[in-house]
Amino acid sequence: MTIWNMWHGCHKISAGCANCYVYRRDESIGKDASVVCKTRTFDLPIKKNRSGEYKLTASDGIVFACMTSDFFLEDADDWRQECWDMIRLRSDLHFHIITKRIDRFEKCAPHDWGGGWDNVTICSTCENQDRTDYRLPIFLSLPIKHREVICEPMLEQIDMEKYLASGLIEHVTCGGESGDKARQCDFRWVKELRRQCVRSAVPFTFKQTGALFVKDARLYRIPRELQMSQAKKSGYSYTPGMNSGSAIKYALPQREELFARLKGSKFRSGFHLSQKDKQYAAQKGIATIRTHALDFISKRLCAENPENDGKQTPLKGHPVFIAQHATACCCRACLEKWHNIPSGKILTSEEQAYIADVLIDWIQREMNTT
C-alpha cells in the first residue's frame, strides 16, 4: 500500500468531517488544515530512481490518493488534470480515491474518462443515512468501473440495501471514530450493514471499532492501538463464498429467555397455529413434522447466502412455516438478530438441529393450547 498526498488541507462539508483527523493532527502542530496547498510528493507516481525507473511499482500495492484532503476539492481544480495525466500514464498501478464530494465527479473527470478507467477505484463515503441517500444515487449514476463505499466514521445505522442490490458496489467498509472527541459506534449498526452486504454478496470490512464502541448496550473505551485489531478479532468482515461467518464466536440464547422475548414482540406473538395446522401436525406426528422442518431449514436457510433471503419462508401452508415466523427462524437476518447465529456462513448440523428443536418446541406449545 502506498499513500499519495498530492495536496494537503480541506474544508468540512458534512457530519463525518466534524472530528477530522487531518484537522486534529494539524492543530496539534499549530497548522491550519483549511489552507490547501500542493505537496512535495505531488508527482510521486512519476518519480524515477537513478536508473531511470519508476520508484513506485505494482509490487508496492494499491496507491491511496489524497488521504489528507479530497481529490475533488474545489481548491484543487487547477491541479487535478495533471494528476489524472499521471494516473493515465501509470496504468500499471491501481489508484484508490476516497471522496465526500462525489457530486463534483462529472465536473472533475478527465476528458477521456469514458466509461471509467480500469486502474481507478472511486470510493464514496457515507457516514449516516442522509449522506447515503444523497451520495449513492449520484455515485451509481456515474460512469465508473470500480466503486466502493466507506462508512467511516459510522454515526448511525445505515440502510443501503437498495444500492447494494444494484450490483455496482464492489466493497463496503465501515468503522468507528477515533480521537478525544469521538462519537459512539454501535456494534448493532455494524452487524446490520454486514447483513445487507451478505444478502447482495458484497465484500464487507469492519475496519475499526473507534474509540467509543457500544456492544450489547455497554460502552467500551478502546485505545487507539487496539481499535483495528479488535475489529478484526470480531470476525465480522465478510468475503462472499468463503463461509467467513464461521469464524464468528457466539452463544445461543436460553430457550425460556428466547420465548419470553418472542412473547414480548407484538409481531412474533401474533402468529398461531390454526385448527387445520394443529390437525395436520397431529395426523403426521411430531417426528415427521421435525423431518419437514429439517428439510425446510436445509433448503431455505442453510446456505451462506440463501436465495431470496428475507422472503423465502411462506406465511402459511405448513405448521413449520408459521413456527418459523413466530420464533424468528424465517431468514438469516432474523436468526442473527434473535438467535445470534451469524449470517454469511453455512449452517452446521448442530445449528440446523437447534433451529428444528426451537420450531418443534413452539409447535408443541401451540398444540397444547385450546
Protein backbone atom coordinates (compact mmCIF):
# COMPACT_ATOMS: atom_id res chain seq x y z
CA MET A 1 0.00 0.00 0.00
CA THR A 2 1.22 3.49 -0.89
CA ILE A 3 -0.15 6.88 0.18
CA TRP A 4 -0.03 9.64 -2.44
CA ASN A 5 -0.93 13.02 -0.97
CA MET A 6 -0.70 15.45 -3.86
CA TRP A 7 -2.17 18.32 -1.83
CA HIS A 8 -2.94 18.93 1.80
CA GLY A 9 -5.80 20.70 3.55
CA CYS A 10 -9.55 20.53 3.17
CA HIS A 11 -12.89 22.08 4.15
CA LYS A 12 -15.50 20.36 6.31
CA ILE A 13 -18.77 19.70 4.48
CA SER A 14 -20.78 17.08 6.43
CA ALA A 15 -21.26 15.36 9.79
CA GLY A 16 -18.42 12.94 9.15
CA CYS A 17 -15.97 15.85 8.97
CA ALA A 18 -16.67 17.18 12.47
CA ASN A 19 -13.68 15.50 14.12
CA CYS A 20 -11.46 15.17 11.03
CA TYR A 21 -8.13 13.53 11.84
CA VAL A 22 -6.29 15.92 9.49
CA TYR A 23 -7.62 18.91 11.40
CA ARG A 24 -6.73 17.25 14.73
CA ARG A 25 -3.20 16.49 13.62
CA ASP A 26 -2.58 19.89 12.04
CA GLU A 27 -3.95 21.69 15.09
CA SER A 28 -1.51 19.77 17.30
CA ILE A 29 1.40 21.34 15.40
CA GLY A 30 -0.11 24.79 15.04
CA LYS A 31 -1.15 24.37 11.40
CA ASP A 32 -4.39 25.47 9.74
CA ALA A 33 -5.87 22.45 7.95
CA SER A 34 -8.28 24.62 5.97
CA VAL A 35 -5.38 26.04 3.95
CA VAL A 36 -4.96 23.91 0.81
CA CYS A 37 -1.56 23.60 -0.80
CA LYS A 38 0.35 21.27 -3.13
CA THR A 39 2.82 18.90 -1.50
CA ARG A 40 6.37 17.86 -2.30
CA THR A 41 5.02 14.43 -3.29
CA PHE A 42 2.67 15.87 -5.92
CA ASP A 43 4.42 13.95 -8.72
CA LEU A 44 5.06 10.75 -6.72
CA PRO A 45 3.70 8.31 -9.38
CA ILE A 46 6.20 9.50 -11.99
CA LYS A 47 9.27 9.95 -9.80
CA LYS A 48 12.21 7.89 -11.00
CA ASN A 49 15.32 6.48 -9.41
CA ARG A 50 18.88 6.95 -10.64
CA SER A 51 18.42 4.11 -13.11
CA GLY A 52 15.56 5.96 -14.76
CA GLU A 53 12.95 3.52 -13.46
CA TYR A 54 9.78 4.47 -11.66
CA LYS A 55 10.18 4.37 -7.90
CA LEU A 56 6.61 3.15 -7.50
CA THR A 57 5.89 -0.29 -8.94
CA ALA A 58 2.90 -2.60 -8.93
CA SER A 59 4.55 -4.57 -6.13
CA ASP A 60 4.05 -1.56 -3.85
CA GLY A 61 0.32 -2.28 -3.88
CA ILE A 62 -2.68 -0.01 -4.17
CA VAL A 63 -1.99 3.73 -4.32
CA PHE A 64 -4.38 5.54 -1.97
CA ALA A 65 -4.70 9.07 -3.32
CA CYS A 66 -5.29 12.28 -1.40
CA MET A 67 -5.67 10.95 2.13
CA THR A 68 -5.11 14.37 3.76
CA SER A 69 -7.62 16.20 1.59
CA ASP A 70 -10.30 15.39 -1.00
CA PHE A 71 -9.38 14.66 -4.62
CA PHE A 72 -12.44 16.57 -5.85
CA LEU A 73 -11.91 19.61 -3.63
CA GLU A 74 -12.72 22.89 -5.39
CA ASP A 75 -9.41 24.46 -4.31
CA ALA A 76 -7.52 21.84 -6.32
CA ASP A 77 -9.34 22.29 -9.64
CA ASP A 78 -6.25 23.81 -11.28
CA TRP A 79 -4.01 20.90 -10.24
CA ARG A 80 -6.23 17.87 -10.76
CA GLN A 81 -5.76 17.41 -14.51
CA GLU A 82 -2.04 16.90 -14.01
CA CYS A 83 -2.87 14.16 -11.51
CA TRP A 84 -5.22 12.49 -13.98
CA ASP A 85 -2.39 12.59 -16.52
CA MET A 86 -0.10 10.76 -14.10
CA ILE A 87 -2.79 8.20 -13.29
CA ARG A 88 -3.36 7.59 -17.00
CA LEU A 89 0.36 7.22 -17.63
CA ARG A 90 0.80 4.77 -14.75
CA SER A 91 -1.79 2.26 -15.94
CA ASP A 92 0.30 -0.45 -14.24
CA LEU A 93 -0.70 0.94 -10.83
CA HIS A 94 -4.14 0.87 -9.23
CA PHE A 95 -5.33 4.12 -7.67
CA HIS A 96 -7.94 4.28 -4.91
CA ILE A 97 -9.69 7.66 -4.50
CA ILE A 98 -11.91 8.27 -1.44
CA THR A 99 -14.23 11.27 -1.57
CA LYS A 100 -17.05 13.08 0.19
CA ARG A 101 -17.58 15.11 -2.97
CA ILE A 102 -18.88 12.54 -5.42
CA ASP A 103 -21.34 15.21 -6.60
CA ARG A 104 -18.37 17.02 -8.22
CA PHE A 105 -17.13 13.99 -10.13
CA GLU A 106 -18.57 14.89 -13.52
CA LYS A 107 -17.06 18.39 -13.32
CA CYS A 108 -13.68 16.96 -12.38
CA ALA A 109 -13.34 13.85 -14.57
CA PRO A 110 -10.73 13.85 -17.36
CA HIS A 111 -11.91 14.38 -20.94
CA ASP A 112 -11.11 10.79 -21.94
CA TRP A 113 -12.66 9.11 -18.89
CA GLY A 114 -15.37 7.44 -20.98
CA GLY A 115 -16.91 4.57 -19.05
CA GLY A 116 -14.17 4.68 -16.45
CA TRP A 117 -10.57 3.57 -16.15
CA ASP A 118 -9.59 0.04 -15.16
CA ASN A 119 -6.86 1.25 -12.80
CA VAL A 120 -9.03 3.58 -10.72
CA THR A 121 -11.42 2.76 -7.87
CA ILE A 122 -13.66 5.58 -6.67
CA CYS A 123 -14.88 5.28 -3.10
CA SER A 124 -17.76 7.39 -1.82
CA THR A 125 -18.07 7.95 1.92
CA CYS A 126 -21.45 7.67 3.66
CA GLU A 127 -21.33 8.36 7.38
CA ASN A 128 -25.07 8.44 8.01
CA GLN A 129 -28.39 7.82 6.27
CA ASP A 130 -28.70 11.37 4.99
CA ARG A 131 -25.37 11.25 3.14
CA THR A 132 -26.07 7.70 1.97
CA ASP A 133 -29.31 8.75 0.30
CA TYR A 134 -27.71 11.85 -1.19
CA ARG A 135 -24.39 10.45 -2.43
CA LEU A 136 -25.13 6.89 -3.52
CA PRO A 137 -27.79 7.69 -6.16
CA ILE A 138 -25.27 10.09 -7.72
CA PHE A 139 -22.46 7.56 -7.32
CA LEU A 140 -24.38 4.77 -9.04
CA SER A 141 -25.37 7.01 -11.95
CA LEU A 142 -21.78 7.83 -12.87
CA PRO A 143 -19.60 6.02 -15.45
CA ILE A 144 -17.21 4.35 -13.00
CA LYS A 145 -15.74 0.85 -13.42
CA HIS A 146 -14.82 0.21 -9.81
CA ARG A 147 -16.96 1.54 -6.94
CA GLU A 148 -16.55 1.12 -3.20
CA VAL A 149 -18.35 2.64 -0.22
CA ILE A 150 -16.87 3.54 3.15
CA CYS A 151 -18.99 4.31 6.22
CA GLU A 152 -16.37 5.84 8.47
CA PRO A 153 -16.93 7.31 10.90
CA MET A 154 -20.18 5.35 11.12
CA LEU A 155 -22.52 7.65 13.03
CA GLU A 156 -25.81 5.73 12.94
CA GLN A 157 -27.50 2.67 11.49
CA ILE A 158 -27.48 2.87 7.70
CA ASP A 159 -29.78 1.19 5.19
CA MET A 160 -28.13 0.91 1.78
CA GLU A 161 -29.63 -2.40 0.71
CA LYS A 162 -31.32 -0.99 -2.38
CA TYR A 163 -28.00 0.47 -3.54
CA LEU A 164 -26.11 -2.76 -2.88
CA ALA A 165 -28.73 -4.65 -4.88
CA SER A 166 -27.63 -2.73 -7.99
CA GLY A 167 -24.57 -4.98 -8.20
CA LEU A 168 -22.39 -1.93 -8.90
CA ILE A 169 -20.73 -1.64 -5.49
CA GLU A 170 -17.67 -3.87 -5.14
CA HIS A 171 -16.87 -3.41 -1.46
CA VAL A 172 -18.19 -1.76 1.71
CA THR A 173 -16.02 -0.73 4.65
CA CYS A 174 -17.23 0.62 7.98
CA GLY A 175 -15.64 1.73 11.22
CA GLY A 176 -15.97 3.89 14.28
CA GLU A 177 -14.42 7.26 15.00
CA SER A 178 -11.10 7.83 16.75
CA GLY A 179 -9.83 10.78 18.76
CA ASP A 180 -10.66 12.51 22.04
CA LYS A 181 -14.00 13.79 20.73
CA ALA A 182 -15.04 10.53 19.06
CA ARG A 183 -18.72 9.78 18.71
CA GLN A 184 -20.07 6.35 19.57
CA CYS A 185 -20.23 3.45 17.13
CA ASP A 186 -22.77 0.73 17.97
CA PHE A 187 -21.98 -2.87 17.04
CA ARG A 188 -25.63 -3.32 16.02
CA TRP A 189 -25.07 -0.84 13.18
CA VAL A 190 -22.04 -2.80 12.01
CA LYS A 191 -23.89 -6.12 12.06
CA GLU A 192 -26.89 -4.74 10.20
CA LEU A 193 -24.75 -3.24 7.43
CA ARG A 194 -22.86 -6.51 7.17
CA ARG A 195 -26.15 -8.43 6.82
CA GLN A 196 -27.12 -6.14 3.94
CA CYS A 197 -23.80 -6.84 2.24
CA VAL A 198 -24.21 -10.59 2.73
CA ARG A 199 -27.64 -10.53 1.07
CA SER A 200 -26.14 -8.85 -2.00
CA ALA A 201 -22.88 -10.86 -1.87
CA VAL A 202 -20.83 -7.67 -1.49
CA PRO A 203 -17.49 -7.97 0.37
CA PHE A 204 -17.53 -6.16 3.72
CA THR A 205 -14.75 -4.98 6.01
CA PHE A 206 -15.23 -3.97 9.62
CA LYS A 207 -12.12 -1.81 9.79
CA GLN A 208 -12.05 -0.42 13.31
CA THR A 209 -14.17 -0.12 16.44
CA GLY A 210 -13.47 3.54 17.05
CA ALA A 211 -12.66 5.00 20.47
CA LEU A 212 -16.20 4.62 21.88
CA PHE A 213 -17.73 1.29 20.97
CA VAL A 214 -21.15 0.06 22.11
CA LYS A 215 -21.72 -3.70 22.31
CA ASP A 216 -24.72 -5.31 23.98
CA ALA A 217 -25.76 -1.89 25.34
CA ARG A 218 -22.41 -1.48 27.11
CA LEU A 219 -19.99 1.32 26.23
CA TYR A 220 -16.33 0.41 25.80
CA ARG A 221 -13.42 2.84 25.53
CA ILE A 222 -10.97 1.28 23.10
CA PRO A 223 -7.34 2.51 22.98
CA ARG A 224 -6.25 3.68 19.53
CA GLU A 225 -3.72 0.88 19.14
CA LEU A 226 -6.43 -1.77 19.65
CA GLN A 227 -9.26 -0.38 17.53
CA MET A 228 -8.29 -2.15 14.30
CA SER A 229 -7.20 -5.41 15.92
CA GLN A 230 -10.42 -5.66 17.94
CA ALA A 231 -12.49 -5.17 14.81
CA LYS A 232 -10.51 -7.88 13.03
CA LYS A 233 -10.80 -10.20 16.01
CA SER A 234 -14.60 -9.98 15.88
CA GLY A 235 -14.61 -11.90 12.60
CA TYR A 236 -17.28 -9.61 11.18
CA SER A 237 -15.57 -8.86 7.90
CA TYR A 238 -17.13 -10.83 5.05
CA THR A 239 -15.88 -12.35 1.81
CA PRO A 240 -18.61 -13.94 -0.37
CA GLY A 241 -18.31 -17.66 -0.97
CA MET A 242 -15.71 -18.20 1.75
CA ASN A 243 -18.00 -19.21 4.66
CA SER A 244 -16.26 -16.39 6.53
CA GLY A 245 -19.04 -16.05 9.09
CA SER A 246 -17.96 -19.38 10.57
CA ALA A 247 -15.12 -17.53 12.34
CA ILE A 248 -17.57 -15.54 14.48
CA LYS A 249 -17.97 -16.75 18.05
CA TYR A 250 -21.45 -16.53 19.55
CA ALA A 251 -23.73 -18.07 22.17
CA LEU A 252 -27.20 -19.44 21.51
CA PRO A 253 -29.96 -17.95 23.68
CA GLN A 254 -31.50 -19.84 26.54
CA ARG A 255 -34.81 -21.34 25.40
CA GLU A 256 -37.11 -19.81 28.01
CA GLU A 257 -35.42 -16.44 27.71
CA LEU A 258 -35.90 -16.60 23.94
CA PHE A 259 -39.59 -17.48 24.22
CA ALA A 260 -40.11 -14.67 26.72
CA ARG A 261 -38.58 -12.19 24.25
CA LEU A 262 -40.71 -13.56 21.42
CA LYS A 263 -43.81 -13.21 23.56
CA GLY A 264 -42.90 -9.58 24.13
CA SER A 265 -42.82 -8.91 20.39
CA LYS A 266 -46.20 -7.82 19.02
CA PHE A 267 -45.26 -9.18 15.59
CA ARG A 268 -43.88 -12.57 16.69
CA SER A 269 -46.58 -13.22 19.27
CA GLY A 270 -49.24 -12.64 16.65
CA PHE A 271 -48.54 -15.97 14.93
CA HIS A 272 -50.56 -19.03 15.97
CA LEU A 273 -51.42 -22.41 14.51
CA SER A 274 -54.91 -22.70 13.08
CA GLN A 275 -57.06 -25.70 13.88
CA LYS A 276 -56.20 -27.04 10.43
CA ASP A 277 -52.48 -26.70 11.18
CA LYS A 278 -52.91 -28.45 14.52
CA GLN A 279 -54.85 -31.28 12.92
CA TYR A 280 -52.16 -31.68 10.27
CA ALA A 281 -49.40 -31.81 12.89
CA ALA A 282 -51.34 -34.32 14.99
CA GLN A 283 -52.02 -36.50 11.97
CA LYS A 284 -48.40 -36.52 10.77
CA GLY A 285 -46.83 -36.76 14.21
CA ILE A 286 -44.11 -34.62 15.70
CA ALA A 287 -41.29 -36.81 14.38
CA THR A 288 -42.48 -36.28 10.80
CA ILE A 289 -43.03 -32.56 11.36
CA ARG A 290 -39.45 -32.31 12.63
CA THR A 291 -38.25 -34.06 9.48
CA HIS A 292 -40.15 -31.49 7.43
CA ALA A 293 -38.56 -28.69 9.49
CA LEU A 294 -35.04 -30.00 8.89
CA ASP A 295 -35.79 -30.25 5.17
CA PHE A 296 -37.02 -26.64 5.01
CA ILE A 297 -34.01 -25.46 7.02
CA SER A 298 -31.60 -27.30 4.75
CA LYS A 299 -33.14 -25.98 1.54
CA ARG A 300 -34.09 -22.43 2.54
CA LEU A 301 -31.79 -21.33 5.39
CA CYS A 302 -28.63 -23.40 5.36
CA ALA A 303 -26.63 -21.68 2.60
CA GLU A 304 -24.14 -18.91 3.33
CA ASN A 305 -26.34 -16.53 1.36
CA PRO A 306 -29.77 -18.16 0.81
CA GLU A 307 -31.66 -17.27 -2.34
CA ASN A 308 -34.27 -14.57 -1.80
CA ASP A 309 -33.27 -14.29 1.85
CA GLY A 310 -35.89 -12.49 3.90
CA LYS A 311 -38.69 -13.68 1.64
CA GLN A 312 -38.03 -17.41 1.45
CA THR A 313 -40.50 -18.52 4.15
CA PRO A 314 -44.23 -18.54 3.26
CA LEU A 315 -46.67 -17.10 5.76
CA LYS A 316 -48.94 -20.14 5.55
CA GLY A 317 -49.17 -23.63 4.11
CA HIS A 318 -47.41 -25.67 6.80
CA PRO A 319 -47.15 -25.55 10.62
CA VAL A 320 -43.38 -25.20 10.31
CA PHE A 321 -43.73 -22.01 8.25
CA ILE A 322 -45.90 -20.45 10.96
CA ALA A 323 -43.43 -21.57 13.61
CA GLN A 324 -40.53 -20.06 11.70
CA HIS A 325 -42.11 -16.62 11.73
CA ALA A 326 -43.25 -16.95 15.34
CA THR A 327 -39.74 -17.90 16.51
CA ALA A 328 -37.74 -15.65 14.17
CA CYS A 329 -36.27 -18.61 12.29
CA CYS A 330 -37.64 -17.41 8.96
CA CYS A 331 -34.47 -15.88 7.43
CA ARG A 332 -30.80 -15.39 8.18
CA ALA A 333 -31.23 -11.81 9.37
CA CYS A 334 -33.76 -12.91 11.98
CA LEU A 335 -31.59 -15.83 13.00
CA GLU A 336 -28.78 -13.40 13.72
CA LYS A 337 -30.95 -10.84 15.49
CA TRP A 338 -32.85 -13.28 17.70
CA HIS A 339 -30.61 -16.35 17.94
CA ASN A 340 -27.11 -14.85 17.47
CA ILE A 341 -26.36 -17.20 14.57
CA PRO A 342 -24.27 -15.05 12.19
CA SER A 343 -25.20 -14.57 8.57
CA GLY A 344 -22.54 -15.18 5.95
CA LYS A 345 -21.86 -18.77 6.96
CA ILE A 346 -23.17 -22.24 6.12
CA LEU A 347 -25.28 -23.58 8.97
CA THR A 348 -23.69 -26.51 10.76
CA SER A 349 -25.65 -29.68 11.51
CA GLU A 350 -25.77 -28.61 15.16
CA GLU A 351 -27.25 -25.23 14.24
CA GLN A 352 -29.83 -26.85 11.99
CA ALA A 353 -30.80 -29.22 14.80
CA TYR A 354 -31.08 -26.29 17.22
CA ILE A 355 -33.44 -24.42 14.87
CA ALA A 356 -35.57 -27.54 14.39
CA ASP A 357 -35.77 -28.00 18.17
CA VAL A 358 -36.96 -24.40 18.61
CA LEU A 359 -39.62 -24.85 15.92
CA ILE A 360 -40.90 -28.12 17.37
CA ASP A 361 -40.92 -26.67 20.88
CA TRP A 362 -43.12 -23.79 19.68
CA ILE A 363 -45.42 -26.14 17.73
CA GLN A 364 -45.87 -28.41 20.74
CA ARG A 365 -46.72 -25.44 22.94
CA GLU A 366 -49.30 -24.35 20.40
CA MET A 367 -50.72 -27.86 20.23
CA ASN A 368 -51.28 -27.77 23.98
CA THR A 369 -53.36 -24.58 23.79
CA THR A 370 -57.06 -24.55 23.08
